[in-house]
Amino acid sequence: MSTELVSNLVDAHTVLEQRVEEEPEIPATIGFDHITTLRAVPDIPVPSSAGVSDRMQRQRRKDTRPELAIRRSLHRAGLRYRICMPVTGLRRRTIDIAFTRIRLAVFVDGCFWHGCPQHATWPKANAAWWEAKILKNRERDRETTRKLEDEGWTVVRIWEHESAEDAAARLLELVRKMRTAAAPLRLVAPPPEATRTPR
């Protein structure tokens, strides 16, 4: 390969690298015989530190501390329920605590991940990506609620900052009301009169 051709390829590569910084998804020649795509903005941002990366990887998707505390309180009160029940028709959506007979769906939402109006924090590192992620989570929550309500479910959302005992007490009261409303009326027949045979 001639020196002039190598020089032209290196110059072309330098120009493409500069354009990639301005426009993501530009094919750039790397080396002499293959093409790869450089991305200026990654799909998932580079973590601001190893500690942040480690903490995010340890986050639980289910069986979080607030969720477990609420479930324990409900169980102590004698209620039985299903956990992590899939939402029909919506992939990767589950009801945290489901009372199937009365169609009550309970979600325990994390303040950070679901954008709590009182306690939401907005990271400064990779701020645009996090804002889009949290707003997308909120929209998913609304979509899930609409889908369940259309199917006749009552949806309750509890923030993780709420007291587990208070949340469980509210749920216990709601479950009792819904069970009473759903129970068929029982007509009690008067007891039959005892017939005595004379002696």
N, C-alpha and C. Protein backbone atom coordinates (compact mmCIF):
# COMPACT_ATOMS: atom_id res chain seq x y z
N MET A 1 0.86 -1.17 0.00
CA MET A 1 0.00 0.00 0.00
C MET A 1 0.90 1.22 0.00
N SER A 2 0.54 2.21 -0.81
CA SER A 2 1.41 3.38 -0.95
C SER A 2 1.29 4.30 0.26
N THR A 3 2.32 5.07 0.48
CA THR A 3 2.36 6.02 1.60
C THR A 3 1.28 7.06 1.45
N GLU A 4 1.00 7.48 0.20
CA GLU A 4 -0.02 8.50 -0.04
C GLU A 4 -1.41 7.96 0.34
N LEU A 5 -1.70 6.71 0.01
CA LEU A 5 -2.99 6.11 0.35
C LEU A 5 -3.16 6.00 1.86
N VAL A 6 -2.09 5.57 2.56
CA VAL A 6 -2.15 5.48 4.01
C VAL A 6 -2.40 6.86 4.61
N SER A 7 -1.74 7.86 4.11
CA SER A 7 -1.91 9.23 4.60
C SER A 7 -3.35 9.70 4.40
N ASN A 8 -3.92 9.39 3.22
CA ASN A 8 -5.31 9.79 2.94
C ASN A 8 -6.29 9.08 3.87
N LEU A 9 -6.05 7.79 4.15
CA LEU A 9 -6.92 7.05 5.06
C LEU A 9 -6.86 7.62 6.47
N VAL A 10 -5.67 7.98 6.93
CA VAL A 10 -5.52 8.55 8.28
C VAL A 10 -6.22 9.90 8.34
N ASP A 11 -6.08 10.72 7.30
CA ASP A 11 -6.76 12.02 7.27
C ASP A 11 -8.28 11.84 7.26
N ALA A 12 -8.77 10.89 6.48
CA ALA A 12 -10.21 10.64 6.41
C ALA A 12 -10.73 10.16 7.78
N HIS A 13 -9.96 9.32 8.44
CA HIS A 13 -10.36 8.83 9.76
C HIS A 13 -10.44 9.98 10.76
N THR A 14 -9.49 10.89 10.72
CA THR A 14 -9.49 12.05 11.63
C THR A 14 -10.71 12.92 11.40
N VAL A 15 -11.07 13.15 10.13
CA VAL A 15 -12.25 13.95 9.81
C VAL A 15 -13.51 13.26 10.32
N LEU A 16 -13.62 11.95 10.11
CA LEU A 16 -14.79 11.22 10.59
C LEU A 16 -14.90 11.25 12.10
N GLU A 17 -13.78 11.10 12.81
CA GLU A 17 -13.83 11.17 14.28
C GLU A 17 -14.35 12.52 14.75
N GLN A 18 -13.96 13.60 14.07
CA GLN A 18 -14.44 14.92 14.44
C GLN A 18 -15.95 15.04 14.18
N ARG A 19 -16.42 14.47 13.06
CA ARG A 19 -17.85 14.52 12.74
C ARG A 19 -18.66 13.68 13.72
N VAL A 20 -18.09 12.58 14.21
CA VAL A 20 -18.81 11.70 15.14
C VAL A 20 -19.11 12.44 16.43
N GLU A 21 -18.21 13.33 16.85
CA GLU A 21 -18.47 14.10 18.06
C GLU A 21 -19.70 14.98 17.89
N GLU A 22 -19.95 15.44 16.67
CA GLU A 22 -21.11 16.31 16.41
C GLU A 22 -22.37 15.51 16.08
N GLU A 23 -22.20 14.37 15.39
CA GLU A 23 -23.35 13.58 14.95
C GLU A 23 -23.15 12.12 15.34
N PRO A 24 -23.95 11.60 16.25
CA PRO A 24 -23.82 10.18 16.60
C PRO A 24 -24.22 9.28 15.44
N GLU A 25 -23.78 8.04 15.51
CA GLU A 25 -24.13 7.01 14.52
C GLU A 25 -23.56 7.29 13.13
N ILE A 26 -22.32 7.78 13.06
CA ILE A 26 -21.67 7.98 11.77
C ILE A 26 -20.68 6.84 11.58
N PRO A 27 -20.77 6.12 10.44
CA PRO A 27 -19.79 5.06 10.22
C PRO A 27 -18.41 5.67 10.08
N ALA A 28 -17.43 5.11 10.75
CA ALA A 28 -16.07 5.62 10.68
C ALA A 28 -15.13 4.48 10.35
N THR A 29 -14.17 4.73 9.48
CA THR A 29 -13.22 3.70 9.09
C THR A 29 -12.16 3.58 10.17
N ILE A 30 -11.97 2.39 10.66
CA ILE A 30 -10.93 2.12 11.65
C ILE A 30 -10.01 1.09 11.02
N GLY A 31 -8.75 1.37 10.99
CA GLY A 31 -7.82 0.45 10.33
C GLY A 31 -7.96 0.61 8.82
N PHE A 32 -7.64 -0.46 8.08
CA PHE A 32 -7.65 -0.36 6.63
C PHE A 32 -8.73 -1.20 5.97
N ASP A 33 -9.23 -2.23 6.64
CA ASP A 33 -10.10 -3.14 5.92
C ASP A 33 -11.44 -3.43 6.61
N HIS A 34 -11.84 -2.71 7.64
CA HIS A 34 -13.17 -2.94 8.20
C HIS A 34 -13.77 -1.62 8.67
N ILE A 35 -15.12 -1.63 8.74
CA ILE A 35 -15.84 -0.41 9.14
C ILE A 35 -16.58 -0.73 10.43
N THR A 36 -16.57 0.20 11.34
CA THR A 36 -17.33 0.05 12.57
C THR A 36 -18.11 1.34 12.79
N THR A 37 -19.05 1.32 13.69
CA THR A 37 -19.84 2.51 13.97
C THR A 37 -19.41 3.07 15.31
N LEU A 38 -19.07 4.34 15.33
CA LEU A 38 -18.72 5.01 16.57
C LEU A 38 -19.96 5.71 17.09
N ARG A 39 -20.13 5.71 18.38
CA ARG A 39 -21.28 6.41 18.96
C ARG A 39 -20.76 7.51 19.88
N ALA A 40 -21.22 8.69 19.64
CA ALA A 40 -20.81 9.80 20.48
C ALA A 40 -21.57 9.78 21.80
N VAL A 41 -22.83 9.33 21.77
CA VAL A 41 -23.64 9.26 22.99
C VAL A 41 -24.02 7.80 23.20
N PRO A 42 -23.53 7.15 24.28
CA PRO A 42 -23.88 5.75 24.49
C PRO A 42 -25.34 5.60 24.92
N ASP A 43 -25.89 4.40 24.68
CA ASP A 43 -27.26 4.13 25.11
C ASP A 43 -27.38 4.25 26.63
N ILE A 44 -26.43 3.65 27.32
CA ILE A 44 -26.38 3.76 28.78
C ILE A 44 -25.15 4.59 29.10
N PRO A 45 -25.32 5.64 29.90
CA PRO A 45 -24.18 6.52 30.14
C PRO A 45 -23.08 5.84 30.93
N VAL A 46 -21.88 6.38 30.78
CA VAL A 46 -20.75 5.90 31.56
C VAL A 46 -20.97 6.35 33.00
N PRO A 47 -20.89 5.43 33.97
CA PRO A 47 -21.11 5.82 35.36
C PRO A 47 -20.12 6.88 35.81
N SER A 48 -20.57 7.76 36.69
CA SER A 48 -19.70 8.84 37.15
C SER A 48 -18.60 8.32 38.06
N SER A 49 -18.79 7.15 38.67
CA SER A 49 -17.73 6.54 39.48
C SER A 49 -18.02 5.05 39.62
N ALA A 50 -17.00 4.32 40.05
CA ALA A 50 -17.17 2.88 40.25
C ALA A 50 -18.16 2.61 41.38
N GLY A 51 -18.16 3.48 42.39
CA GLY A 51 -19.09 3.32 43.52
C GLY A 51 -20.54 3.45 43.08
N VAL A 52 -20.80 4.43 42.21
CA VAL A 52 -22.17 4.63 41.70
C VAL A 52 -22.58 3.41 40.88
N SER A 53 -21.68 2.93 40.05
CA SER A 53 -21.98 1.77 39.22
C SER A 53 -22.31 0.56 40.09
N ASP A 54 -21.51 0.34 41.12
CA ASP A 54 -21.73 -0.79 42.01
C ASP A 54 -23.07 -0.67 42.74
N ARG A 55 -23.39 0.54 43.22
CA ARG A 55 -24.65 0.77 43.94
C ARG A 55 -25.85 0.53 43.03
N MET A 56 -25.79 1.01 41.79
CA MET A 56 -26.91 0.83 40.86
C MET A 56 -27.11 -0.64 40.51
N GLN A 57 -26.02 -1.40 40.39
CA GLN A 57 -26.15 -2.81 40.05
C GLN A 57 -26.76 -3.62 41.20
N ARG A 58 -26.60 -3.13 42.44
CA ARG A 58 -27.15 -3.84 43.59
C ARG A 58 -28.62 -3.52 43.85
N GLN A 59 -29.17 -2.55 43.14
CA GLN A 59 -30.58 -2.18 43.35
C GLN A 59 -31.48 -3.36 43.00
N ARG A 60 -32.44 -3.63 43.87
CA ARG A 60 -33.37 -4.73 43.64
C ARG A 60 -34.56 -4.25 42.82
N ARG A 61 -35.07 -5.11 41.98
CA ARG A 61 -36.27 -4.81 41.20
C ARG A 61 -37.51 -5.28 41.93
N LYS A 62 -37.36 -6.28 42.75
CA LYS A 62 -38.49 -6.79 43.53
C LYS A 62 -37.99 -7.14 44.92
N ASP A 63 -38.93 -7.36 45.84
CA ASP A 63 -38.58 -7.67 47.23
C ASP A 63 -37.70 -6.59 47.86
N THR A 64 -38.05 -5.33 47.61
CA THR A 64 -37.31 -4.23 48.22
C THR A 64 -37.68 -4.15 49.70
N ARG A 65 -36.90 -3.45 50.49
CA ARG A 65 -37.18 -3.34 51.93
C ARG A 65 -38.58 -2.78 52.21
N PRO A 66 -38.98 -1.66 51.56
CA PRO A 66 -40.33 -1.15 51.83
C PRO A 66 -41.42 -2.17 51.45
N GLU A 67 -41.21 -2.85 50.33
CA GLU A 67 -42.19 -3.85 49.88
C GLU A 67 -42.30 -5.00 50.88
N LEU A 68 -41.16 -5.50 51.35
CA LEU A 68 -41.16 -6.60 52.31
C LEU A 68 -41.81 -6.17 53.62
N ALA A 69 -41.53 -4.95 54.07
CA ALA A 69 -42.12 -4.46 55.33
C ALA A 69 -43.64 -4.39 55.22
N ILE A 70 -44.14 -3.91 54.10
CA ILE A 70 -45.60 -3.82 53.92
C ILE A 70 -46.21 -5.22 53.84
N ARG A 71 -45.55 -6.11 53.12
CA ARG A 71 -46.07 -7.48 53.01
C ARG A 71 -46.10 -8.18 54.36
N ARG A 72 -45.07 -7.97 55.17
CA ARG A 72 -45.06 -8.59 56.50
C ARG A 72 -46.21 -8.07 57.36
N SER A 73 -46.44 -6.76 57.29
CA SER A 73 -47.54 -6.17 58.07
C SER A 73 -48.89 -6.73 57.62
N LEU A 74 -49.08 -6.86 56.31
CA LEU A 74 -50.33 -7.41 55.79
C LEU A 74 -50.50 -8.86 56.21
N HIS A 75 -49.42 -9.61 56.16
CA HIS A 75 -49.48 -11.03 56.53
C HIS A 75 -49.80 -11.18 58.01
N ARG A 76 -49.19 -10.35 58.86
CA ARG A 76 -49.48 -10.39 60.30
C ARG A 76 -50.95 -10.08 60.57
N ALA A 77 -51.54 -9.24 59.71
CA ALA A 77 -52.96 -8.88 59.88
C ALA A 77 -53.89 -9.96 59.33
N GLY A 78 -53.32 -11.03 58.79
CA GLY A 78 -54.13 -12.15 58.32
C GLY A 78 -54.49 -12.11 56.84
N LEU A 79 -53.96 -11.14 56.10
CA LEU A 79 -54.28 -11.05 54.67
C LEU A 79 -53.34 -11.95 53.87
N ARG A 80 -53.88 -12.54 52.82
CA ARG A 80 -53.08 -13.35 51.91
C ARG A 80 -53.21 -12.74 50.52
N TYR A 81 -52.15 -12.84 49.75
CA TYR A 81 -52.07 -12.11 48.48
C TYR A 81 -51.06 -12.81 47.58
N ARG A 82 -51.03 -12.39 46.34
CA ARG A 82 -50.01 -12.86 45.40
C ARG A 82 -48.97 -11.77 45.24
N ILE A 83 -47.74 -12.17 44.94
CA ILE A 83 -46.69 -11.18 44.71
C ILE A 83 -46.12 -11.34 43.30
N CYS A 84 -45.62 -10.25 42.77
CA CYS A 84 -44.99 -10.23 41.44
C CYS A 84 -45.89 -10.86 40.37
N MET A 85 -47.16 -10.51 40.40
CA MET A 85 -48.12 -11.07 39.44
C MET A 85 -48.03 -10.32 38.12
N PRO A 86 -47.82 -11.02 37.01
CA PRO A 86 -47.70 -10.35 35.71
C PRO A 86 -48.98 -9.62 35.33
N VAL A 87 -48.80 -8.47 34.67
CA VAL A 87 -49.92 -7.71 34.13
C VAL A 87 -50.16 -8.23 32.72
N THR A 88 -51.35 -8.77 32.48
CA THR A 88 -51.63 -9.36 31.17
C THR A 88 -51.57 -8.30 30.08
N GLY A 89 -50.91 -8.64 29.01
CA GLY A 89 -50.84 -7.74 27.86
C GLY A 89 -49.72 -6.72 27.90
N LEU A 90 -49.00 -6.64 29.01
CA LEU A 90 -47.87 -5.70 29.12
C LEU A 90 -46.63 -6.48 29.56
N ARG A 91 -45.66 -6.53 28.69
CA ARG A 91 -44.44 -7.28 28.99
C ARG A 91 -43.65 -6.62 30.11
N ARG A 92 -43.06 -7.46 30.92
CA ARG A 92 -42.17 -7.04 32.01
C ARG A 92 -42.83 -6.08 33.00
N ARG A 93 -44.13 -6.21 33.19
CA ARG A 93 -44.84 -5.43 34.19
C ARG A 93 -45.45 -6.40 35.19
N THR A 94 -45.22 -6.16 36.45
CA THR A 94 -45.80 -7.03 37.47
C THR A 94 -46.42 -6.18 38.57
N ILE A 95 -47.45 -6.75 39.18
CA ILE A 95 -48.10 -6.12 40.33
C ILE A 95 -47.32 -6.57 41.56
N ASP A 96 -46.89 -5.62 42.39
CA ASP A 96 -46.09 -5.97 43.56
C ASP A 96 -46.89 -6.84 44.54
N ILE A 97 -48.11 -6.41 44.86
CA ILE A 97 -48.98 -7.15 45.79
C ILE A 97 -50.38 -7.17 45.16
N ALA A 98 -50.89 -8.37 44.91
CA ALA A 98 -52.18 -8.48 44.22
C ALA A 98 -53.18 -9.27 45.07
N PHE A 99 -54.33 -8.66 45.26
CA PHE A 99 -55.47 -9.34 45.89
C PHE A 99 -56.41 -9.69 44.74
N THR A 100 -56.29 -10.90 44.24
CA THR A 100 -56.94 -11.27 42.98
C THR A 100 -58.46 -11.34 43.08
N ARG A 101 -58.99 -11.82 44.19
CA ARG A 101 -60.45 -11.99 44.29
C ARG A 101 -61.19 -10.66 44.24
N ILE A 102 -60.59 -9.63 44.83
CA ILE A 102 -61.25 -8.32 44.80
C ILE A 102 -60.61 -7.39 43.76
N ARG A 103 -59.65 -7.90 43.02
CA ARG A 103 -58.98 -7.15 41.95
C ARG A 103 -58.38 -5.84 42.46
N LEU A 104 -57.53 -5.98 43.47
CA LEU A 104 -56.80 -4.84 44.03
C LEU A 104 -55.33 -5.04 43.73
N ALA A 105 -54.73 -4.07 43.02
CA ALA A 105 -53.32 -4.12 42.65
C ALA A 105 -52.56 -3.04 43.43
N VAL A 106 -51.52 -3.47 44.13
CA VAL A 106 -50.73 -2.54 44.94
C VAL A 106 -49.31 -2.48 44.38
N PHE A 107 -48.84 -1.26 44.17
CA PHE A 107 -47.46 -1.04 43.72
C PHE A 107 -46.73 -0.24 44.79
N VAL A 108 -45.52 -0.67 45.12
CA VAL A 108 -44.68 0.06 46.06
C VAL A 108 -43.57 0.69 45.20
N ASP A 109 -43.70 2.00 44.97
CA ASP A 109 -42.80 2.70 44.06
C ASP A 109 -41.64 3.36 44.80
N GLY A 110 -40.44 3.18 44.26
CA GLY A 110 -39.25 3.81 44.81
C GLY A 110 -39.25 5.30 44.49
N CYS A 111 -38.86 6.11 45.45
CA CYS A 111 -38.88 7.56 45.27
C CYS A 111 -37.96 8.01 44.14
N PHE A 112 -36.78 7.41 44.03
CA PHE A 112 -35.86 7.80 42.96
C PHE A 112 -36.34 7.32 41.60
N TRP A 113 -36.60 6.03 41.48
CA TRP A 113 -36.90 5.43 40.18
C TRP A 113 -38.22 5.89 39.58
N HIS A 114 -39.17 6.29 40.42
CA HIS A 114 -40.49 6.67 39.91
C HIS A 114 -40.76 8.17 40.07
N GLY A 115 -39.76 8.93 40.51
CA GLY A 115 -39.88 10.39 40.56
C GLY A 115 -40.88 10.90 41.57
N CYS A 116 -40.70 10.50 42.83
CA CYS A 116 -41.60 10.95 43.90
C CYS A 116 -41.64 12.48 43.95
N PRO A 117 -42.84 13.08 44.01
CA PRO A 117 -42.94 14.54 44.05
C PRO A 117 -42.31 15.15 45.29
N GLN A 118 -42.19 14.40 46.37
CA GLN A 118 -41.58 14.93 47.60
C GLN A 118 -40.10 14.66 47.71
N HIS A 119 -39.65 13.47 47.28
CA HIS A 119 -38.28 13.06 47.55
C HIS A 119 -37.44 12.74 46.32
N ALA A 120 -37.95 13.00 45.15
CA ALA A 120 -37.18 12.66 43.94
C ALA A 120 -35.90 13.47 43.91
N THR A 121 -34.82 12.81 43.53
CA THR A 121 -33.55 13.51 43.32
C THR A 121 -33.18 13.36 41.86
N TRP A 122 -32.61 14.38 41.30
CA TRP A 122 -32.23 14.36 39.90
C TRP A 122 -30.71 14.41 39.83
N PRO A 123 -30.09 13.32 39.39
CA PRO A 123 -28.62 13.28 39.35
C PRO A 123 -28.05 14.38 38.47
N LYS A 124 -26.89 14.88 38.89
CA LYS A 124 -26.21 15.90 38.09
C LYS A 124 -25.37 15.25 36.98
N ALA A 125 -24.76 14.11 37.29
CA ALA A 125 -24.00 13.39 36.27
C ALA A 125 -25.00 12.69 35.34
N ASN A 126 -24.78 12.81 34.05
CA ASN A 126 -25.65 12.20 33.04
C ASN A 126 -27.10 12.62 33.23
N ALA A 127 -27.30 13.89 33.54
CA ALA A 127 -28.63 14.41 33.92
C ALA A 127 -29.69 14.18 32.85
N ALA A 128 -29.36 14.41 31.59
CA ALA A 128 -30.35 14.25 30.52
C ALA A 128 -30.82 12.80 30.42
N TRP A 129 -29.88 11.86 30.53
CA TRP A 129 -30.24 10.45 30.43
C TRP A 129 -31.13 10.06 31.60
N TRP A 130 -30.80 10.48 32.83
CA TRP A 130 -31.59 10.12 34.00
C TRP A 130 -32.97 10.75 33.95
N GLU A 131 -33.06 11.98 33.49
CA GLU A 131 -34.37 12.63 33.39
C GLU A 131 -35.27 11.85 32.44
N ALA A 132 -34.72 11.48 31.28
CA ALA A 132 -35.50 10.71 30.30
C ALA A 132 -35.91 9.35 30.89
N LYS A 133 -35.01 8.71 31.62
CA LYS A 133 -35.29 7.40 32.21
C LYS A 133 -36.42 7.49 33.23
N ILE A 134 -36.35 8.47 34.13
CA ILE A 134 -37.36 8.59 35.18
C ILE A 134 -38.71 9.01 34.60
N LEU A 135 -38.70 9.91 33.62
CA LEU A 135 -39.95 10.30 32.97
C LEU A 135 -40.58 9.12 32.23
N LYS A 136 -39.74 8.29 31.64
CA LYS A 136 -40.25 7.08 30.96
C LYS A 136 -40.86 6.12 31.99
N ASN A 137 -40.23 5.99 33.16
CA ASN A 137 -40.79 5.14 34.22
C ASN A 137 -42.17 5.65 34.65
N ARG A 138 -42.30 6.97 34.78
CA ARG A 138 -43.60 7.54 35.17
C ARG A 138 -44.67 7.23 34.13
N GLU A 139 -44.30 7.34 32.86
CA GLU A 139 -45.25 7.05 31.78
C GLU A 139 -45.64 5.58 31.80
N ARG A 140 -44.69 4.70 32.06
CA ARG A 140 -44.99 3.26 32.18
C ARG A 140 -45.95 3.01 33.32
N ASP A 141 -45.75 3.72 34.45
CA ASP A 141 -46.65 3.58 35.59
C ASP A 141 -48.07 3.98 35.21
N ARG A 142 -48.21 5.11 34.50
CA ARG A 142 -49.54 5.57 34.08
C ARG A 142 -50.18 4.56 33.13
N GLU A 143 -49.39 4.04 32.19
CA GLU A 143 -49.90 3.07 31.23
C GLU A 143 -50.36 1.79 31.95
N THR A 144 -49.57 1.32 32.91
CA THR A 144 -49.93 0.12 33.67
C THR A 144 -51.21 0.35 34.46
N THR A 145 -51.33 1.51 35.11
CA THR A 145 -52.53 1.83 35.87
C THR A 145 -53.75 1.86 34.97
N ARG A 146 -53.63 2.52 33.81
CA ARG A 146 -54.77 2.58 32.86
C ARG A 146 -55.19 1.19 32.42
N LYS A 147 -54.23 0.35 32.09
CA LYS A 147 -54.52 -1.01 31.62
C LYS A 147 -55.26 -1.80 32.69
N LEU A 148 -54.77 -1.73 33.93
CA LEU A 148 -55.43 -2.48 35.00
C LEU A 148 -56.82 -1.94 35.30
N GLU A 149 -56.97 -0.62 35.34
CA GLU A 149 -58.28 -0.03 35.61
C GLU A 149 -59.28 -0.38 34.50
N ASP A 150 -58.80 -0.44 33.26
CA ASP A 150 -59.68 -0.84 32.15
C ASP A 150 -60.16 -2.28 32.32
N GLU A 151 -59.36 -3.10 33.01
CA GLU A 151 -59.73 -4.49 33.25
C GLU A 151 -60.48 -4.68 34.56
N GLY A 152 -60.85 -3.57 35.22
CA GLY A 152 -61.66 -3.66 36.42
C GLY A 152 -60.89 -3.73 37.73
N TRP A 153 -59.59 -3.47 37.70
CA TRP A 153 -58.79 -3.50 38.92
C TRP A 153 -58.82 -2.12 39.60
N THR A 154 -58.66 -2.13 40.91
CA THR A 154 -58.41 -0.91 41.67
C THR A 154 -56.90 -0.86 41.89
N VAL A 155 -56.28 0.27 41.57
CA VAL A 155 -54.82 0.38 41.66
C VAL A 155 -54.46 1.34 42.79
N VAL A 156 -53.56 0.88 43.66
CA VAL A 156 -53.06 1.71 44.76
C VAL A 156 -51.55 1.79 44.61
N ARG A 157 -51.02 3.01 44.66
CA ARG A 157 -49.57 3.22 44.59
C ARG A 157 -49.09 3.79 45.91
N ILE A 158 -48.07 3.15 46.45
CA ILE A 158 -47.50 3.56 47.73
C ILE A 158 -46.05 3.96 47.49
N TRP A 159 -45.66 5.11 48.02
CA TRP A 159 -44.26 5.55 47.89
C TRP A 159 -43.41 4.86 48.96
N GLU A 160 -42.17 4.59 48.62
CA GLU A 160 -41.29 3.89 49.56
C GLU A 160 -41.05 4.66 50.85
N HIS A 161 -41.21 6.00 50.81
CA HIS A 161 -40.95 6.79 52.02
C HIS A 161 -42.10 6.69 53.04
N GLU A 162 -43.25 6.15 52.62
CA GLU A 162 -44.38 6.03 53.54
C GLU A 162 -44.10 4.95 54.57
N SER A 163 -44.62 5.15 55.75
CA SER A 163 -44.48 4.17 56.82
C SER A 163 -45.16 2.86 56.40
N ALA A 164 -44.45 1.77 56.57
CA ALA A 164 -45.00 0.46 56.19
C ALA A 164 -46.25 0.14 57.00
N GLU A 165 -46.24 0.48 58.28
CA GLU A 165 -47.40 0.20 59.13
C GLU A 165 -48.61 1.02 58.70
N ASP A 166 -48.38 2.31 58.38
CA ASP A 166 -49.49 3.16 57.93
C ASP A 166 -50.05 2.67 56.59
N ALA A 167 -49.14 2.32 55.68
CA ALA A 167 -49.57 1.83 54.37
C ALA A 167 -50.36 0.53 54.52
N ALA A 168 -49.87 -0.36 55.37
CA ALA A 168 -50.55 -1.64 55.58
C ALA A 168 -51.93 -1.42 56.22
N ALA A 169 -52.02 -0.47 57.15
CA ALA A 169 -53.32 -0.18 57.78
C ALA A 169 -54.32 0.35 56.76
N ARG A 170 -53.85 1.25 55.87
CA ARG A 170 -54.73 1.76 54.80
C ARG A 170 -55.19 0.63 53.89
N LEU A 171 -54.26 -0.25 53.54
CA LEU A 171 -54.60 -1.37 52.66
C LEU A 171 -55.56 -2.33 53.34
N LEU A 172 -55.35 -2.59 54.62
CA LEU A 172 -56.23 -3.49 55.37
C LEU A 172 -57.66 -2.96 55.37
N GLU A 173 -57.80 -1.67 55.61
CA GLU A 173 -59.13 -1.05 55.61
C GLU A 173 -59.76 -1.13 54.22
N LEU A 174 -58.97 -0.85 53.18
CA LEU A 174 -59.48 -0.90 51.82
C LEU A 174 -59.90 -2.32 51.44
N VAL A 175 -59.08 -3.30 51.80
CA VAL A 175 -59.41 -4.70 51.49
C VAL A 175 -60.72 -5.10 52.16
N ARG A 176 -60.88 -4.72 53.42
CA ARG A 176 -62.12 -5.06 54.13
C ARG A 176 -63.34 -4.42 53.46
N LYS A 177 -63.22 -3.15 53.08
CA LYS A 177 -64.34 -2.47 52.40
C LYS A 177 -64.65 -3.14 51.07
N MET A 178 -63.61 -3.47 50.31
CA MET A 178 -63.84 -4.08 48.99
C MET A 178 -64.43 -5.47 49.13
N ARG A 179 -64.00 -6.22 50.13
CA ARG A 179 -64.56 -7.55 50.35
C ARG A 179 -66.02 -7.46 50.77
N THR A 180 -66.34 -6.48 51.62
CA THR A 180 -67.73 -6.31 52.06
C THR A 180 -68.60 -5.92 50.87
N ALA A 181 -68.10 -5.03 50.03
CA ALA A 181 -68.88 -4.59 48.87
C ALA A 181 -69.06 -5.72 47.86
N ALA A 182 -68.07 -6.59 47.76
CA ALA A 182 -68.13 -7.68 46.78
C ALA A 182 -68.91 -8.89 47.27
N ALA A 183 -69.09 -8.98 48.59
CA ALA A 183 -69.78 -10.15 49.15
C ALA A 183 -71.25 -10.11 48.78
N PRO A 184 -71.80 -11.22 48.34
CA PRO A 184 -73.23 -11.24 48.02
C PRO A 184 -74.04 -11.09 49.31
N LEU A 185 -75.19 -10.47 49.16
CA LEU A 185 -76.08 -10.33 50.32
C LEU A 185 -76.63 -11.69 50.68
N ARG A 186 -76.56 -11.98 51.94
CA ARG A 186 -77.09 -13.26 52.40
C ARG A 186 -78.41 -13.01 53.10
N LEU A 187 -79.42 -13.62 52.58
CA LEU A 187 -80.72 -13.52 53.23
C LEU A 187 -80.81 -14.61 54.28
N VAL A 188 -81.04 -14.18 55.45
CA VAL A 188 -81.12 -15.15 56.54
C VAL A 188 -82.58 -15.50 56.73
N ALA A 189 -82.88 -16.75 56.55
CA ALA A 189 -84.25 -17.23 56.73
C ALA A 189 -84.54 -17.35 58.21
N PRO A 190 -85.77 -17.05 58.60
CA PRO A 190 -86.09 -17.22 60.03
C PRO A 190 -86.00 -18.68 60.40
N PRO A 191 -85.61 -18.95 61.62
CA PRO A 191 -85.50 -20.37 62.01
C PRO A 191 -86.86 -21.05 61.96
N PRO A 192 -86.89 -22.27 61.52
CA PRO A 192 -88.19 -22.97 61.48
C PRO A 192 -88.73 -23.14 62.89
N GLU A 193 -90.03 -23.04 62.98
CA GLU A 193 -90.63 -23.19 64.29
C GLU A 193 -90.55 -24.63 64.72
N ALA A 194 -90.20 -24.79 65.93
CA ALA A 194 -90.08 -26.16 66.44
C ALA A 194 -91.47 -26.71 66.71
N THR A 195 -91.68 -27.80 66.20
CA THR A 195 -92.98 -28.43 66.46
C THR A 195 -92.79 -29.44 67.59
N ARG A 196 -93.59 -29.27 68.55
CA ARG A 196 -93.50 -30.19 69.70
C ARG A 196 -94.66 -31.16 69.65
N THR A 197 -94.32 -32.29 69.92
CA THR A 197 -95.39 -33.27 70.04
C THR A 197 -95.79 -33.35 71.50
N PRO A 198 -97.08 -33.28 71.74
CA PRO A 198 -97.50 -33.36 73.15
C PRO A 198 -97.21 -34.72 73.73
N ARG A 199 -96.97 -34.73 75.00
CA ARG A 199 -96.71 -36.00 75.68
C ARG A 199 -97.91 -36.48 76.39
